[in-house]
Structures are given as structure tokens and as C-alpha cells.
Amino acid sequence: MAITAQQVKELREMTGAGMMACKKALTKADGDMDKAVEILREQGLAGAEKKAGRIAAEGVSLTKLSDDRKSGVVVEVNAETDFVAKNEKFQNYVRDVAAQALTSKAEDTESFLNEPWHLDESRTVAQQLSEEISIIGENMNIRRFARLSESEGFIQDYVHANGRIGVLLQVKSNVVNDAVVEMAKNIAMQIAALRPKYVSRKEVSQDYLASEKEILLAAAKNEKPDAPEKVLRGMVQGRLNKELKEICLVDQVYVRAEDGKQTVQQYVDSVAKAQNAAIELVAFLRFETGEGLEKKTENFAEEVAAQMKK
């Protein structure tokens, strides 16, 4: 199949590989983007992280906790422009959406949109959304929401850059005081900054590990085609361990560690010891606004002009 310049550009942005290497990989993969990424990784030309797509769409991801901090929700609501996303009315509306999602019984967006709006039960969530669209003057979308709850501890939230990233962290602890809450906030900030995929290695699927080993082995053979199998296997295991330390929260280096070596788990353990507590990081949610979505190209001046015309 014919490979387009747009496909080459997208793969280059995702992997950092050269233009010709991207074109060759796409040709070999018959245009399959995920397969092309794997080919580049096997050639040692791309990083381990597969990007879901450009972080582009506007809007915000905000959180809401229950009064007792036993449950929390994170929601993402999109708008067309950054101009609207920063608008106070838009952000207040998203906070109202989060308040509804916190106590909602809906398990998906479609069911959520059909619920009565909590501030006016004569209309549905979808009807209220339509009303907000007509008032604000551009298209909006309640894209997703997710909840966490913890009966034997608490939920910690963190919102970065006025809604660019929203994080929830589920903490199981028999002690909930200022020190433990401060620890949870620090770790929620770490999740926002370093985007782990799992809490610990026990959550990583065997299928994922098997796939990674195959890709890393192919890359190692390309680098050292004459190396003995034992050496290659050692290279693979070392690189896999390095990758797991990056994607598993408790294995990451704690970003505020004074020695630059303390892991998140060691940080948690130190706080637990100091507070005579039993603390476990159970789960987390991380929403980055617009991840996987495309954004129409529009500069700030054009954005303002477009708003003034409405």
C-alpha cells in the first residue's frame, strides 16, 4: 500500500526515528502504525514507550472527592479551544459534572448522559450539556470518567496545570494523618509527572512481558548478531528490568528523593515506619486531557478572533 507523508510524520513524532527509517518501517508493516513502532524498536531506533497519539484536544481533567475522602472521581470534558478550556464558566461546569459523576451509578458515558442532571432533574445530563454548548458557543464533550474508593484508608487527588492532568490515588492505611496525606499527595504528583502504567510488577500481564522480551531480543540480536544466547538473554533481562522500573510506580525513583536513589516504595515504607502505620498503594488513575485525540491547527490570535465572531 502507498505510505503517506502524514503517516511518516506521525510515526516520526511517536518514535523520534528518522524519516526514511519511518517510511521503511511503515512499508514493511503495510501501514500498520503499531507494527511499524515494533519494527523500529527491534532495530533499536525507537524508545520502549508507545504513544497513544498526540496530546492535542483542549479541555480539562478535574477531580472530586467525597467529604470523607473514601471515594473520588476524575472526569475529562473536552472543548474545541484552549480559550474556552481556561474559561471560568467552562471549568465550573466541569466541576458540576465531576460532582454528579462522584455519586452516579452509571458505568459508561452513554448511561451517564441519560441520567437526570443533579442540579435540575427536569433535564438529563445530555440536555444540560447541549445548553452549555449553546451558552459557551463551541462544541463540548464529556469524554470519560472513572472512580476509586477505599474503605480502609482514603483517596488522594491532584490536578496539574489547571486541569491538564488529573490524578486519583487509592491508599490503604490504618493511620490517616497529615504526614500520611502529605505522602499521598507527593506520590499523586509523581504519577502526574512520570506517568507510570502500573502500581507494581504483579499487575504486569504475562502477555505484555512475553511481547516485550521478543522485541528486546530482536533488538539485541541486531546490535550484537554474534553474541552468545546467554549474553543476549542477559541484555534482554537487564533492559526489561529498566523498563519495569519506569512503568511500575513503586519501582520508580521517587522524584523528591534527596539522594536520587530512593524508590517510591522505600519512601512509602519510611513514612509508614515514622507514623507506625501499615500503608499500601492500591491503585491510581491518571487522565491527561486530550490524550489520543487530534486537535485542529489554530493559533492563539485566530482562536481569539474566532471567539469574538460568536
Protein backbone atom coordinates (compact mmCIF):
# COMPACT_ATOMS: atom_id res chain seq x y z
CA MET A 1 0.00 0.00 0.00
CA ALA A 2 1.07 3.62 -0.55
CA ILE A 3 2.53 5.26 2.55
CA THR A 4 1.52 8.90 3.00
CA ALA A 5 3.66 11.76 4.27
CA GLN A 6 1.21 12.20 7.15
CA GLN A 7 1.78 8.61 8.28
CA VAL A 8 5.54 9.11 8.19
CA LYS A 9 5.22 12.36 10.15
CA GLU A 10 3.01 10.72 12.79
CA LEU A 11 5.38 7.75 13.26
CA ARG A 12 8.34 10.10 13.50
CA GLU A 13 6.61 12.12 16.22
CA MET A 14 5.72 8.92 18.10
CA THR A 15 9.21 7.35 18.00
CA GLY A 16 11.81 10.01 17.25
CA ALA A 17 13.21 7.81 14.46
CA GLY A 18 14.47 9.24 11.15
CA MET A 19 12.18 9.96 8.23
CA MET A 20 13.49 7.24 5.93
CA ALA A 21 13.52 4.68 8.74
CA CYS A 22 9.88 5.51 9.48
CA LYS A 23 8.92 5.18 5.82
CA LYS A 24 10.67 1.81 5.51
CA ALA A 25 9.05 0.54 8.73
CA LEU A 26 5.59 1.60 7.58
CA THR A 27 6.15 -0.03 4.18
CA LYS A 28 7.24 -3.26 5.84
CA ALA A 29 4.24 -3.10 8.19
CA ASP A 30 1.80 -2.38 5.36
CA GLY A 31 0.83 0.89 7.02
CA ASP A 32 0.09 -0.65 10.45
CA MET A 33 1.30 2.02 12.91
CA ASP A 34 1.69 -0.27 15.94
CA LYS A 35 3.60 -2.84 13.89
CA ALA A 36 5.84 -0.11 12.48
CA VAL A 37 6.68 1.03 16.03
CA GLU A 38 7.66 -2.55 16.92
CA ILE A 39 9.86 -2.80 13.81
CA LEU A 40 11.68 0.40 14.75
CA ARG A 41 12.11 -0.82 18.31
CA GLU A 42 13.57 -4.11 17.08
CA GLN A 43 16.05 -2.07 15.05
CA GLY A 44 16.91 -0.02 18.12
CA LEU A 45 15.53 3.12 16.51
CA ALA A 46 12.59 3.83 18.82
CA GLY A 47 12.02 4.07 22.56
CA ALA A 48 10.05 1.50 24.55
CA GLU A 49 7.07 3.76 25.09
CA LYS A 50 4.25 3.54 22.53
CA LYS A 51 2.45 6.84 22.42
CA ALA A 52 -1.30 6.55 22.07
CA GLY A 53 -1.34 9.67 19.90
CA ARG A 54 -0.63 13.36 20.14
CA ILE A 55 -1.84 15.08 23.30
CA ALA A 56 -3.81 17.69 21.43
CA ALA A 57 -7.50 18.19 22.19
CA GLU A 58 -8.46 21.00 24.54
CA GLY A 59 -10.48 20.82 27.76
CA VAL A 60 -9.76 19.86 31.34
CA SER A 61 -9.48 16.80 33.58
CA LEU A 62 -10.71 17.59 37.10
CA THR A 63 -11.22 15.54 40.27
CA LYS A 64 -13.79 15.45 43.06
CA LEU A 65 -13.54 13.69 46.44
CA SER A 66 -16.31 12.73 48.82
CA ASP A 67 -16.36 14.60 52.13
CA ASP A 68 -14.90 11.59 53.96
CA ARG A 69 -12.27 11.04 51.22
CA LYS A 70 -13.35 7.43 50.89
CA SER A 71 -14.20 7.85 47.20
CA GLY A 72 -13.17 10.06 44.33
CA VAL A 73 -13.75 10.64 40.63
CA VAL A 74 -11.74 12.10 37.77
CA VAL A 75 -13.54 13.42 34.67
CA GLU A 76 -12.40 14.75 31.31
CA VAL A 77 -14.54 17.24 29.43
CA ASN A 78 -13.30 18.50 26.06
CA ALA A 79 -13.82 21.77 24.24
CA GLU A 80 -12.62 22.95 20.86
CA THR A 81 -10.20 25.64 22.00
CA ASP A 82 -7.81 26.43 24.81
CA PHE A 83 -9.57 29.80 25.04
CA VAL A 84 -12.74 28.09 26.27
CA ALA A 85 -10.91 25.46 28.34
CA LYS A 86 -9.48 28.23 30.52
CA ASN A 87 -12.85 29.97 30.81
CA GLU A 88 -14.18 30.06 34.39
CA LYS A 89 -17.72 29.17 33.30
CA PHE A 90 -16.46 26.09 31.46
CA GLN A 91 -14.37 24.97 34.43
CA ASN A 92 -17.30 25.47 36.81
CA TYR A 93 -19.44 23.31 34.54
CA VAL A 94 -16.80 20.55 34.58
CA ARG A 95 -16.78 20.71 38.40
CA ASP A 96 -20.55 20.19 38.33
CA VAL A 97 -20.06 17.19 36.01
CA ALA A 98 -17.50 15.75 38.45
CA ALA A 99 -19.90 16.25 41.38
CA GLN A 100 -22.55 14.24 39.52
CA ALA A 101 -20.10 11.54 38.42
CA LEU A 102 -18.91 11.04 42.00
CA THR A 103 -22.29 9.69 43.15
CA SER A 104 -23.57 8.43 39.78
CA LYS A 105 -24.38 4.74 39.30
CA ALA A 106 -23.51 4.92 35.60
CA GLU A 107 -20.66 2.72 34.40
CA ASP A 108 -20.22 4.35 30.99
CA THR A 109 -20.60 7.75 29.38
CA GLU A 110 -23.76 6.85 27.46
CA SER A 111 -25.60 5.86 30.65
CA PHE A 112 -24.25 8.93 32.42
CA LEU A 113 -25.58 11.26 29.72
CA ASN A 114 -29.07 9.76 30.12
CA GLU A 115 -29.21 10.41 33.88
CA PRO A 116 -31.17 13.34 35.36
CA TRP A 117 -28.91 16.37 35.85
CA HIS A 118 -28.31 16.71 39.60
CA LEU A 119 -28.83 20.49 39.61
CA ASP A 120 -32.08 20.31 37.62
CA GLU A 121 -33.72 16.89 37.42
CA SER A 122 -36.21 18.09 34.81
CA ARG A 123 -33.42 17.64 32.24
CA THR A 124 -30.80 14.98 31.54
CA VAL A 125 -27.02 15.35 31.67
CA ALA A 126 -27.02 15.35 27.85
CA GLN A 127 -29.62 18.14 27.72
CA GLN A 128 -27.61 20.22 30.18
CA LEU A 129 -24.51 19.65 28.04
CA SER A 130 -26.42 20.95 25.00
CA GLU A 131 -27.44 24.00 26.99
CA GLU A 132 -23.83 24.68 27.97
CA ILE A 133 -22.74 24.33 24.34
CA SER A 134 -25.27 26.93 23.26
CA ILE A 135 -24.15 29.32 26.01
CA ILE A 136 -20.39 28.89 25.61
CA GLY A 137 -20.56 28.84 21.83
CA GLU A 138 -18.49 25.87 20.76
CA ASN A 139 -18.70 22.09 20.75
CA MET A 140 -18.05 20.27 24.03
CA ASN A 141 -17.89 16.62 25.01
CA ILE A 142 -17.99 14.67 28.27
CA ARG A 143 -15.35 12.21 27.16
CA ARG A 144 -14.78 9.93 30.18
CA PHE A 145 -14.86 9.50 33.93
CA ALA A 146 -13.58 6.94 36.42
CA ARG A 147 -13.88 6.40 40.16
CA LEU A 148 -11.85 4.91 43.00
CA SER A 149 -12.96 4.06 46.53
CA GLU A 150 -11.18 2.80 49.65
CA SER A 151 -12.97 1.86 52.88
CA GLU A 152 -9.76 1.18 54.84
CA GLY A 153 -7.89 4.35 54.01
CA PHE A 154 -8.53 7.29 51.68
CA ILE A 155 -8.40 8.65 48.15
CA GLN A 156 -5.89 11.37 47.29
CA ASP A 157 -6.32 13.62 44.27
CA TYR A 158 -4.07 16.00 42.38
CA VAL A 159 -4.79 18.32 39.45
CA HIS A 160 -1.85 19.66 37.46
CA ALA A 161 -1.74 22.82 35.34
CA ASN A 162 -5.38 23.83 35.88
CA GLY A 163 -6.71 20.56 34.52
CA ARG A 164 -4.13 19.38 32.01
CA ILE A 165 -3.68 16.26 34.16
CA GLY A 166 -5.99 14.78 36.82
CA VAL A 167 -4.84 12.04 39.22
CA LEU A 168 -6.55 9.85 41.81
CA LEU A 169 -4.57 7.61 44.18
CA GLN A 170 -6.10 4.86 46.32
CA VAL A 171 -4.26 4.46 49.63
CA LYS A 172 -4.96 1.71 52.16
CA SER A 173 -3.75 2.78 55.61
CA ASN A 174 -4.66 2.21 59.25
CA VAL A 175 -3.35 5.70 60.03
CA VAL A 176 -4.62 8.81 58.26
CA ASN A 177 -2.89 11.94 59.48
CA ASP A 178 -1.18 14.97 57.95
CA ALA A 179 2.07 13.09 57.30
CA VAL A 180 0.36 10.20 55.52
CA VAL A 181 -1.81 12.55 53.47
CA GLU A 182 1.26 14.61 52.53
CA MET A 183 2.96 11.40 51.37
CA ALA A 184 -0.07 10.53 49.22
CA LYS A 185 -0.09 13.99 47.65
CA ASN A 186 3.60 13.71 46.80
CA ILE A 187 3.01 10.36 45.12
CA ALA A 188 0.00 11.67 43.21
CA MET A 189 2.29 14.43 41.88
CA GLN A 190 4.81 11.75 40.90
CA ILE A 191 2.10 9.92 38.94
CA ALA A 192 1.26 13.13 37.10
CA ALA A 193 4.91 13.78 36.24
CA LEU A 194 6.24 10.31 35.42
CA ARG A 195 3.07 8.61 34.07
CA PRO A 196 3.52 5.03 35.39
CA LYS A 197 1.30 2.32 33.91
CA TYR A 198 1.05 0.01 36.92
CA VAL A 199 1.32 0.21 40.71
CA SER A 200 3.70 -2.76 40.89
CA ARG A 201 5.14 -5.58 38.77
CA LYS A 202 2.47 -8.02 39.92
CA GLU A 203 -0.03 -6.12 37.77
CA VAL A 204 2.01 -6.53 34.58
CA SER A 205 0.48 -9.22 32.36
CA GLN A 206 2.49 -12.20 31.16
CA ASP A 207 1.44 -11.42 27.59
CA TYR A 208 2.99 -7.95 27.89
CA LEU A 209 6.22 -9.37 29.32
CA ALA A 210 6.43 -12.03 26.59
CA SER A 211 5.89 -9.43 23.86
CA GLU A 212 8.50 -7.09 25.32
CA LYS A 213 11.05 -9.90 25.60
CA GLU A 214 10.57 -10.77 21.92
CA ILE A 215 11.04 -7.16 20.84
CA LEU A 216 14.05 -6.61 23.10
CA LEU A 217 15.65 -9.89 21.96
CA ALA A 218 15.28 -8.90 18.30
CA ALA A 219 16.87 -5.53 19.10
CA ALA A 220 19.73 -7.20 20.98
CA LYS A 221 20.41 -9.58 18.08
CA ASN A 222 20.54 -6.65 15.67
CA GLU A 223 23.06 -4.91 17.92
CA LYS A 224 25.23 -7.96 18.60
CA PRO A 225 24.47 -10.63 15.99
CA ASP A 226 27.46 -12.78 17.04
CA ALA A 227 26.79 -12.67 20.79
CA PRO A 228 26.08 -15.98 22.60
CA GLU A 229 22.46 -16.68 23.57
CA LYS A 230 23.29 -16.29 27.27
CA VAL A 231 24.65 -12.78 26.67
CA LEU A 232 21.60 -11.83 24.62
CA ARG A 233 19.24 -13.10 27.30
CA GLY A 234 21.15 -11.08 29.89
CA MET A 235 20.80 -7.96 27.77
CA VAL A 236 17.08 -8.57 27.41
CA GLN A 237 16.54 -9.09 31.15
CA GLY A 238 18.54 -6.00 32.04
CA ARG A 239 16.60 -3.82 29.63
CA LEU A 240 13.28 -5.31 30.72
CA ASN A 241 14.10 -4.58 34.37
CA LYS A 242 14.97 -0.99 33.44
CA GLU A 243 11.66 -0.62 31.60
CA LEU A 244 9.68 -2.07 34.53
CA LYS A 245 11.34 0.41 36.89
CA GLU A 246 9.98 3.17 34.67
CA ILE A 247 6.41 1.91 34.26
CA CYS A 248 5.77 0.48 37.77
CA LEU A 249 5.03 3.20 40.32
CA VAL A 250 6.58 1.61 43.40
CA ASP A 251 9.81 0.84 41.49
CA GLN A 252 10.25 4.37 40.14
CA VAL A 253 12.86 6.60 41.72
CA TYR A 254 10.99 9.00 43.99
CA VAL A 255 11.39 12.38 42.27
CA ARG A 256 11.86 14.29 45.53
CA ALA A 257 14.42 11.85 46.97
CA GLU A 258 17.42 13.76 48.32
CA ASP A 259 19.87 11.03 47.28
CA GLY A 260 18.26 10.49 43.87
CA LYS A 261 18.07 6.76 44.58
CA GLN A 262 15.14 6.20 46.95
CA THR A 263 12.26 4.40 45.24
CA VAL A 264 8.61 5.27 45.75
CA GLN A 265 8.16 2.06 47.76
CA GLN A 266 11.08 2.98 50.02
CA TYR A 267 9.56 6.44 50.52
CA VAL A 268 6.20 4.90 51.47
CA ASP A 269 7.93 2.48 53.85
CA SER A 270 9.84 5.31 55.54
CA VAL A 271 6.63 7.27 56.17
CA ALA A 272 4.87 4.11 57.38
CA LYS A 273 7.67 3.42 59.85
CA ALA A 274 7.74 7.01 61.12
CA GLN A 275 3.94 7.04 61.63
CA ASN A 276 3.72 3.46 62.95
CA ALA A 277 1.31 2.69 60.10
CA ALA A 278 0.61 -0.04 57.57
CA ILE A 279 0.37 1.69 54.18
CA GLU A 280 -0.32 0.20 50.75
CA LEU A 281 -0.68 1.94 47.40
CA VAL A 282 -3.61 0.06 45.87
CA ALA A 283 -4.47 1.74 42.56
CA PHE A 284 -4.31 5.01 40.65
CA LEU A 285 -6.00 6.80 37.76
CA ARG A 286 -4.26 9.34 35.54
CA PHE A 287 -6.16 11.37 32.95
CA GLU A 288 -4.17 13.60 30.61
CA THR A 289 -6.51 15.91 28.76
CA GLY A 290 -6.78 15.09 25.08
CA GLU A 291 -4.52 12.04 25.09
CA GLY A 292 -5.14 10.11 21.90
CA LEU A 293 -7.18 12.89 20.30
CA GLU A 294 -6.37 15.18 17.40
CA LYS A 295 -6.57 18.97 17.63
CA LYS A 296 -7.36 21.26 14.76
CA THR A 297 -4.49 23.62 13.98
CA GLU A 298 -5.31 27.09 15.19
CA ASN A 299 -3.04 29.77 16.60
CA PHE A 300 -3.96 31.95 19.57
CA ALA A 301 -4.75 35.05 17.51
CA GLU A 302 -7.11 33.06 15.30
CA GLU A 303 -8.64 31.49 18.41
CA VAL A 304 -9.44 34.90 19.90
CA ALA A 305 -10.79 36.16 16.60
CA ALA A 306 -12.99 33.08 16.29
CA GLN A 307 -14.40 33.70 19.77
CA MET A 308 -15.09 37.37 19.03
CA LYS A 309 -17.14 36.42 15.96
CA LYS A 310 -19.50 34.23 18.06
